[in-house]
Amino acid sequence: MGEYETIGLLLIIVAFVIALVGAVIYFGGSSFSWFGNLPGDLKVERENFTFYFPLATMLVLSIVLSIIIKVILYFFS
């Protein structure tokens, strides 16, 4: 497989995964209400100021994506 074919295949796989995640979120949106509201997420609310930093959500997402990428690379390398 040439260089451009490999890049093209990778882009197709990434687009499929993004579409799949979008469909899951769209059709099962209410089941993800916990996402973004984990105990480690920081939220500061004042009179006319709101600061939200989803620390725990970012950590969970990073771990899950790292595992998915490692599994994909294991099977395709």
PDB file of N, CA and C in Angstrom:
ATOM      1  N   MET A   1       0.843  -1.176   0.000  1.00  0.00           N
ATOM      2  CA  MET A   1       0.000   0.000   0.000  1.00  0.00           C
ATOM      3  C   MET A   1       0.881   1.229   0.000  1.00  0.00           C
ATOM      4  N   GLY A   2       0.536   2.189  -0.841  1.00  0.00           N
ATOM      5  CA  GLY A   2       1.312   3.413  -0.919  1.00  0.00           C
ATOM      6  C   GLY A   2       1.017   4.352   0.227  1.00  0.00           C
ATOM      7  N   GLU A   3       1.778   5.430   0.239  1.00  0.00           N
ATOM      8  CA  GLU A   3       1.638   6.409   1.320  1.00  0.00           C
ATOM      9  C   GLU A   3       0.264   7.074   1.297  1.00  0.00           C
ATOM     10  N   TYR A   4      -0.214   7.448   0.123  1.00  0.00           N
ATOM     11  CA  TYR A   4      -1.499   8.138   0.036  1.00  0.00           C
ATOM     12  C   TYR A   4      -2.672   7.200   0.331  1.00  0.00           C
ATOM     13  N   GLU A   5      -2.534   5.937  -0.032  1.00  0.00           N
ATOM     14  CA  GLU A   5      -3.603   4.989   0.265  1.00  0.00           C
ATOM     15  C   GLU A   5      -3.728   4.771   1.769  1.00  0.00           C
ATOM     16  N   THR A   6      -2.597   4.735   2.459  1.00  0.00           N
ATOM     17  CA  THR A   6      -2.616   4.559   3.916  1.00  0.00           C
ATOM     18  C   THR A   6      -3.271   5.761   4.595  1.00  0.00           C
ATOM     19  N   ILE A   7      -2.906   6.957   4.151  1.00  0.00           N
ATOM     20  CA  ILE A   7      -3.502   8.164   4.723  1.00  0.00           C
ATOM     21  C   ILE A   7      -4.995   8.210   4.425  1.00  0.00           C
ATOM     22  N   GLY A   8      -5.381   7.829   3.211  1.00  0.00           N
ATOM     23  CA  GLY A   8      -6.797   7.804   2.850  1.00  0.00           C
ATOM     24  C   GLY A   8      -7.587   6.822   3.697  1.00  0.00           C
ATOM     25  N   LEU A   9      -7.022   5.638   3.914  1.00  0.00           N
ATOM     26  CA  LEU A   9      -7.694   4.648   4.757  1.00  0.00           C
ATOM     27  C   LEU A   9      -7.829   5.148   6.185  1.00  0.00           C
ATOM     28  N   LEU A  10      -6.787   5.785   6.693  1.00  0.00           N
ATOM     29  CA  LEU A  10      -6.836   6.329   8.050  1.00  0.00           C
ATOM     30  C   LEU A  10      -7.913   7.405   8.166  1.00  0.00           C
ATOM     31  N   LEU A  11      -8.018   8.274   7.172  1.00  0.00           N
ATOM     32  CA  LEU A  11      -9.048   9.314   7.200  1.00  0.00           C
ATOM     33  C   LEU A  11     -10.453   8.722   7.147  1.00  0.00           C
ATOM     34  N   ILE A  12     -10.635   7.666   6.365  1.00  0.00           N
ATOM     35  CA  ILE A  12     -11.944   7.001   6.308  1.00  0.00           C
ATOM     36  C   ILE A  12     -12.295   6.393   7.660  1.00  0.00           C
ATOM     37  N   ILE A  13     -11.332   5.749   8.314  1.00  0.00           N
ATOM     38  CA  ILE A  13     -11.581   5.139   9.623  1.00  0.00           C
ATOM     39  C   ILE A  13     -11.908   6.208  10.657  1.00  0.00           C
ATOM     40  N   VAL A  14     -11.148   7.305  10.657  1.00  0.00           N
ATOM     41  CA  VAL A  14     -11.396   8.389  11.618  1.00  0.00           C
ATOM     42  C   VAL A  14     -12.775   9.002  11.389  1.00  0.00           C
ATOM     43  N   ALA A  15     -13.145   9.216  10.133  1.00  0.00           N
ATOM     44  CA  ALA A  15     -14.461   9.776   9.832  1.00  0.00           C
ATOM     45  C   ALA A  15     -15.577   8.839  10.280  1.00  0.00           C
ATOM     46  N   PHE A  16     -15.389   7.534  10.083  1.00  0.00           N
ATOM     47  CA  PHE A  16     -16.392   6.564  10.524  1.00  0.00           C
ATOM     48  C   PHE A  16     -16.541   6.576  12.040  1.00  0.00           C
ATOM     49  N   VAL A  17     -15.429   6.641  12.745  1.00  0.00           N
ATOM     50  CA  VAL A  17     -15.482   6.666  14.214  1.00  0.00           C
ATOM     51  C   VAL A  17     -16.170   7.937  14.697  1.00  0.00           C
ATOM     52  N   ILE A  18     -15.863   9.071  14.086  1.00  0.00           N
ATOM     53  CA  ILE A  18     -16.502  10.328  14.479  1.00  0.00           C
ATOM     54  C   ILE A  18     -18.005  10.269  14.218  1.00  0.00           C
ATOM     55  N   ALA A  19     -18.398   9.727  13.056  1.00  0.00           N
ATOM     56  CA  ALA A  19     -19.826   9.598  12.742  1.00  0.00           C
ATOM     57  C   ALA A  19     -20.512   8.644  13.714  1.00  0.00           C
ATOM     58  N   LEU A  20     -19.844   7.572  14.081  1.00  0.00           N
ATOM     59  CA  LEU A  20     -20.417   6.611  15.028  1.00  0.00           C
ATOM     60  C   LEU A  20     -20.605   7.242  16.407  1.00  0.00           C
ATOM     61  N   VAL A  21     -19.608   7.974  16.867  1.00  0.00           N
ATOM     62  CA  VAL A  21     -19.722   8.651  18.167  1.00  0.00           C
ATOM     63  C   VAL A  21     -20.829   9.702  18.118  1.00  0.00           C
ATOM     64  N   GLY A  22     -20.922  10.434  17.017  1.00  0.00           N
ATOM     65  CA  GLY A  22     -21.988  11.429  16.870  1.00  0.00           C
ATOM     66  C   GLY A  22     -23.366  10.800  16.895  1.00  0.00           C
ATOM     67  N   ALA A  23     -23.523   9.650  16.240  1.00  0.00           N
ATOM     68  CA  ALA A  23     -24.816   8.961  16.244  1.00  0.00           C
ATOM     69  C   ALA A  23     -25.169   8.460  17.636  1.00  0.00           C
ATOM     70  N   VAL A  24     -24.189   7.939  18.354  1.00  0.00           N
ATOM     71  CA  VAL A  24     -24.446   7.454  19.714  1.00  0.00           C
ATOM     72  C   VAL A  24     -24.860   8.606  20.622  1.00  0.00           C
ATOM     73  N   ILE A  25     -24.178   9.727  20.503  1.00  0.00           N
ATOM     74  CA  ILE A  25     -24.531  10.886  21.326  1.00  0.00           C
ATOM     75  C   ILE A  25     -25.893  11.446  20.939  1.00  0.00           C
ATOM     76  N   TYR A  26     -26.188  11.490  19.641  1.00  0.00           N
ATOM     77  CA  TYR A  26     -27.460  12.041  19.178  1.00  0.00           C
ATOM     78  C   TYR A  26     -28.646  11.182  19.612  1.00  0.00           C
ATOM     79  N   PHE A  27     -28.537   9.876  19.412  1.00  0.00           N
ATOM     80  CA  PHE A  27     -29.668   8.997  19.711  1.00  0.00           C
ATOM     81  C   PHE A  27     -29.721   8.556  21.173  1.00  0.00           C
ATOM     82  N   GLY A  28     -28.613   8.615  21.882  1.00  0.00           N
ATOM     83  CA  GLY A  28     -28.605   8.209  23.289  1.00  0.00           C
ATOM     84  C   GLY A  28     -28.151   9.328  24.189  1.00  0.00           C
ATOM     85  N   GLY A  29     -28.483  10.561  23.825  1.00  0.00           N
ATOM     86  CA  GLY A  29     -28.009  11.742  24.537  1.00  0.00           C
ATOM     87  C   GLY A  29     -28.371  11.787  26.004  1.00  0.00           C
ATOM     88  N   SER A  30     -29.564  11.325  26.349  1.00  0.00           N
ATOM     89  CA  SER A  30     -29.980  11.401  27.760  1.00  0.00           C
ATOM     90  C   SER A  30     -29.219  10.408  28.626  1.00  0.00           C
ATOM     91  N   SER A  31     -28.669   9.367  28.019  1.00  0.00           N
ATOM     92  CA  SER A  31     -27.914   8.397  28.814  1.00  0.00           C
ATOM     93  C   SER A  31     -26.509   8.894  29.123  1.00  0.00           C
ATOM     94  N   PHE A  32     -26.088  10.010  28.519  1.00  0.00           N
ATOM     95  CA  PHE A  32     -24.777  10.586  28.786  1.00  0.00           C
ATOM     96  C   PHE A  32     -24.875  11.844  29.636  1.00  0.00           C
ATOM     97  N   SER A  33     -25.910  11.978  30.436  1.00  0.00           N
ATOM     98  CA  SER A  33     -26.074  13.182  31.240  1.00  0.00           C
ATOM     99  C   SER A  33     -25.005  13.300  32.325  1.00  0.00           C
ATOM    100  N   TRP A  34     -24.388  12.190  32.708  1.00  0.00           N
ATOM    101  CA  TRP A  34     -23.310  12.212  33.690  1.00  0.00           C
ATOM    102  C   TRP A  34     -22.028  12.776  33.100  1.00  0.00           C
ATOM    103  N   PHE A  35     -21.889  12.730  31.767  1.00  0.00           N
ATOM    104  CA  PHE A  35     -20.668  13.161  31.098  1.00  0.00           C
ATOM    105  C   PHE A  35     -20.551  14.672  31.203  1.00  0.00           C
ATOM    106  N   GLY A  36     -19.508  15.147  31.827  1.00  0.00           N
ATOM    107  CA  GLY A  36     -19.330  16.575  32.055  1.00  0.00           C
ATOM    108  C   GLY A  36     -19.761  16.996  33.440  1.00  0.00           C
ATOM    109  N   ASN A  37     -20.318  16.075  34.208  1.00  0.00           N
ATOM    110  CA  ASN A  37     -20.755  16.376  35.575  1.00  0.00           C
ATOM    111  C   ASN A  37     -20.145  15.395  36.571  1.00  0.00           C
ATOM    112  N   LEU A  38     -18.911  14.986  36.331  1.00  0.00           N
ATOM    113  CA  LEU A  38     -18.241  14.053  37.235  1.00  0.00           C
ATOM    114  C   LEU A  38     -17.784  14.786  38.489  1.00  0.00           C
ATOM    115  N   PRO A  39     -17.518  14.052  39.577  1.00  0.00           N
ATOM    116  CA  PRO A  39     -17.138  14.699  40.829  1.00  0.00           C
ATOM    117  C   PRO A  39     -15.872  15.557  40.759  1.00  0.00           C
ATOM    118  N   GLY A  40     -14.953  15.282  39.836  1.00  0.00           N
ATOM    119  CA  GLY A  40     -13.721  16.058  39.750  1.00  0.00           C
ATOM    120  C   GLY A  40     -13.795  17.266  38.840  1.00  0.00           C
ATOM    121  N   ASP A  41     -14.953  17.526  38.254  1.00  0.00           N
ATOM    122  CA  ASP A  41     -15.116  18.682  37.381  1.00  0.00           C
ATOM    123  C   ASP A  41     -15.298  19.935  38.226  1.00  0.00           C
ATOM    124  N   LEU A  42     -14.559  20.976  37.868  1.00  0.00           N
ATOM    125  CA  LEU A  42     -14.594  22.216  38.645  1.00  0.00           C
ATOM    126  C   LEU A  42     -15.582  23.193  38.022  1.00  0.00           C
ATOM    127  N   LYS A  43     -16.449  23.744  38.858  1.00  0.00           N
ATOM    128  CA  LYS A  43     -17.435  24.715  38.389  1.00  0.00           C
ATOM    129  C   LYS A  43     -17.568  25.817  39.432  1.00  0.00           C
ATOM    130  N   VAL A  44     -17.298  27.047  38.992  1.00  0.00           N
ATOM    131  CA  VAL A  44     -17.407  28.215  39.869  1.00  0.00           C
ATOM    132  C   VAL A  44     -18.452  29.135  39.275  1.00  0.00           C
ATOM    133  N   GLU A  45     -19.478  29.452  40.062  1.00  0.00           N
ATOM    134  CA  GLU A  45     -20.545  30.334  39.598  1.00  0.00           C
ATOM    135  C   GLU A  45     -20.608  31.564  40.491  1.00  0.00           C
ATOM    136  N   ARG A  46     -20.556  32.716  39.877  1.00  0.00           N
ATOM    137  CA  ARG A  46     -20.723  33.999  40.567  1.00  0.00           C
ATOM    138  C   ARG A  46     -21.943  34.691  39.972  1.00  0.00           C
ATOM    139  N   GLU A  47     -22.159  35.931  40.336  1.00  0.00           N
ATOM    140  CA  GLU A  47     -23.341  36.659  39.869  1.00  0.00           C
ATOM    141  C   GLU A  47     -23.395  36.743  38.347  1.00  0.00           C
ATOM    142  N   ASN A  48     -22.328  37.222  37.718  1.00  0.00           N
ATOM    143  CA  ASN A  48     -22.325  37.339  36.262  1.00  0.00           C
ATOM    144  C   ASN A  48     -21.087  36.679  35.657  1.00  0.00           C
ATOM    145  N   PHE A  49     -20.637  35.603  36.265  1.00  0.00           N
ATOM    146  CA  PHE A  49     -19.436  34.911  35.808  1.00  0.00           C
ATOM    147  C   PHE A  49     -19.572  33.423  36.133  1.00  0.00           C
ATOM    148  N   THR A  50     -19.274  32.585  35.154  1.00  0.00           N
ATOM    149  CA  THR A  50     -19.266  31.141  35.365  1.00  0.00           C
ATOM    150  C   THR A  50     -17.992  30.571  34.775  1.00  0.00           C
ATOM    151  N   PHE A  51     -17.278  29.790  35.568  1.00  0.00           N
ATOM    152  CA  PHE A  51     -16.056  29.128  35.122  1.00  0.00           C
ATOM    153  C   PHE A  51     -16.262  27.634  35.274  1.00  0.00           C
ATOM    154  N   TYR A  52     -16.040  26.894  34.177  1.00  0.00           N
ATOM    155  CA  TYR A  52     -16.221  25.456  34.193  1.00  0.00           C
ATOM    156  C   TYR A  52     -14.980  24.808  33.618  1.00  0.00           C
ATOM    157  N   PHE A  53     -14.369  23.896  34.379  1.00  0.00           N
ATOM    158  CA  PHE A  53     -13.181  23.181  33.940  1.00  0.00           C
ATOM    159  C   PHE A  53     -13.405  21.693  34.179  1.00  0.00           C
ATOM    160  N   PRO A  54     -13.722  20.928  33.124  1.00  0.00           N
ATOM    161  CA  PRO A  54     -14.066  19.507  33.279  1.00  0.00           C
ATOM    162  C   PRO A  54     -12.832  18.623  33.427  1.00  0.00           C
ATOM    163  N   LEU A  55     -12.143  18.708  34.548  1.00  0.00           N
ATOM    164  CA  LEU A  55     -10.896  17.993  34.766  1.00  0.00           C
ATOM    165  C   LEU A  55     -11.103  16.477  34.754  1.00  0.00           C
ATOM    166  N   ALA A  56     -12.030  15.966  35.537  1.00  0.00           N
ATOM    167  CA  ALA A  56     -12.257  14.520  35.602  1.00  0.00           C
ATOM    168  C   ALA A  56     -12.782  13.982  34.274  1.00  0.00           C
ATOM    169  N   THR A  57     -13.626  14.724  33.604  1.00  0.00           N
ATOM    170  CA  THR A  57     -14.144  14.297  32.311  1.00  0.00           C
ATOM    171  C   THR A  57     -13.016  14.194  31.294  1.00  0.00           C
ATOM    172  N   MET A  58     -12.099  15.155  31.295  1.00  0.00           N
ATOM    173  CA  MET A  58     -10.975  15.108  30.368  1.00  0.00           C
ATOM    174  C   MET A  58     -10.069  13.925  30.662  1.00  0.00           C
ATOM    175  N   LEU A  59      -9.855  13.602  31.932  1.00  0.00           N
ATOM    176  CA  LEU A  59      -9.025  12.450  32.281  1.00  0.00           C
ATOM    177  C   LEU A  59      -9.662  11.142  31.828  1.00  0.00           C
ATOM    178  N   VAL A  60     -10.950  10.993  32.066  1.00  0.00           N
ATOM    179  CA  VAL A  60     -11.653   9.780  31.639  1.00  0.00           C
ATOM    180  C   VAL A  60     -11.626   9.653  30.125  1.00  0.00           C
ATOM    181  N   LEU A  61     -11.887  10.740  29.427  1.00  0.00           N
ATOM    182  CA  LEU A  61     -11.876  10.731  27.971  1.00  0.00           C
ATOM    183  C   LEU A  61     -10.484  10.408  27.427  1.00  0.00           C
ATOM    184  N   SER A  62      -9.454  10.946  28.047  1.00  0.00           N
ATOM    185  CA  SER A  62      -8.083  10.671  27.626  1.00  0.00           C
ATOM    186  C   SER A  62      -7.731   9.203  27.804  1.00  0.00           C
ATOM    187  N   ILE A  63      -8.116   8.618  28.917  1.00  0.00           N
ATOM    188  CA  ILE A  63      -7.826   7.205  29.162  1.00  0.00           C
ATOM    189  C   ILE A  63      -8.566   6.319  28.166  1.00  0.00           C
ATOM    190  N   VAL A  64      -9.833   6.601  27.937  1.00  0.00           N
ATOM    191  CA  VAL A  64     -10.626   5.793  27.000  1.00  0.00           C
ATOM    192  C   VAL A  64     -10.077   5.908  25.581  1.00  0.00           C
ATOM    193  N   LEU A  65      -9.767   7.113  25.144  1.00  0.00           N
ATOM    194  CA  LEU A  65      -9.221   7.288  23.796  1.00  0.00           C
ATOM    195  C   LEU A  65      -7.846   6.653  23.653  1.00  0.00           C
ATOM    196  N   SER A  66      -7.025   6.706  24.691  1.00  0.00           N
ATOM    197  CA  SER A  66      -5.715   6.054  24.646  1.00  0.00           C
ATOM    198  C   SER A  66      -5.852   4.545  24.494  1.00  0.00           C
ATOM    199  N   ILE A  67      -6.789   3.956  25.211  1.00  0.00           N
ATOM    200  CA  ILE A  67      -7.015   2.515  25.098  1.00  0.00           C
ATOM    201  C   ILE A  67      -7.510   2.155  23.702  1.00  0.00           C
ATOM    202  N   ILE A  68      -8.438   2.941  23.174  1.00  0.00           N
ATOM    203  CA  ILE A  68      -8.965   2.668  21.833  1.00  0.00           C
ATOM    204  C   ILE A  68      -7.865   2.774  20.785  1.00  0.00           C
ATOM    205  N   ILE A  69      -7.031   3.796  20.877  1.00  0.00           N
ATOM    206  CA  ILE A  69      -5.949   3.977  19.911  1.00  0.00           C
ATOM    207  C   ILE A  69      -4.937   2.843  20.014  1.00  0.00           C
ATOM    208  N   LYS A  70      -4.601   2.419  21.228  1.00  0.00           N
ATOM    209  CA  LYS A  70      -3.652   1.312  21.388  1.00  0.00           C
ATOM    210  C   LYS A  70      -4.201   0.012  20.808  1.00  0.00           C
ATOM    211  N   VAL A  71      -5.484  -0.232  20.987  1.00  0.00           N
ATOM    212  CA  VAL A  71      -6.097  -1.449  20.409  1.00  0.00           C
ATOM    213  C   VAL A  71      -6.092  -1.371  18.893  1.00  0.00           C
ATOM    214  N   ILE A  72      -6.433  -0.223  18.331  1.00  0.00           N
ATOM    215  CA  ILE A  72      -6.423  -0.068  16.872  1.00  0.00           C
ATOM    216  C   ILE A  72      -5.017  -0.260  16.318  1.00  0.00           C
ATOM    217  N   LEU A  73      -4.020   0.357  16.957  1.00  0.00           N
ATOM    218  CA  LEU A  73      -2.660   0.211  16.491  1.00  0.00           C
ATOM    219  C   LEU A  73      -2.145  -1.213  16.647  1.00  0.00           C
ATOM    220  N   TYR A  74      -2.621  -1.919  17.664  1.00  0.00           N
ATOM    221  CA  TYR A  74      -2.206  -3.314  17.860  1.00  0.00           C
ATOM    222  C   TYR A  74      -2.697  -4.187  16.715  1.00  0.00           C
ATOM    223  N   PHE A  75      -3.932  -3.974  16.271  1.00  0.00           N
ATOM    224  CA  PHE A  75      -4.488  -4.811  15.216  1.00  0.00           C
ATOM    225  C   PHE A  75      -4.058  -4.380  13.822  1.00  0.00           C
ATOM    226  N   PHE A  76      -3.742  -3.099  13.609  1.00  0.00           N
ATOM    227  CA  PHE A  76      -3.386  -2.631  12.283  1.00  0.00           C
ATOM    228  C   PHE A  76      -1.889  -2.447  12.069  1.00  0.00           C
ATOM    229  N   SER A  77      -1.071  -2.771  13.055  1.00  0.00           N
ATOM    230  CA  SER A  77       0.383  -2.638  12.881  1.00  0.00           C
ATOM    231  C   SER A  77       1.060  -3.976  12.767  1.00  0.00           C
TER     232      SER A  77
END
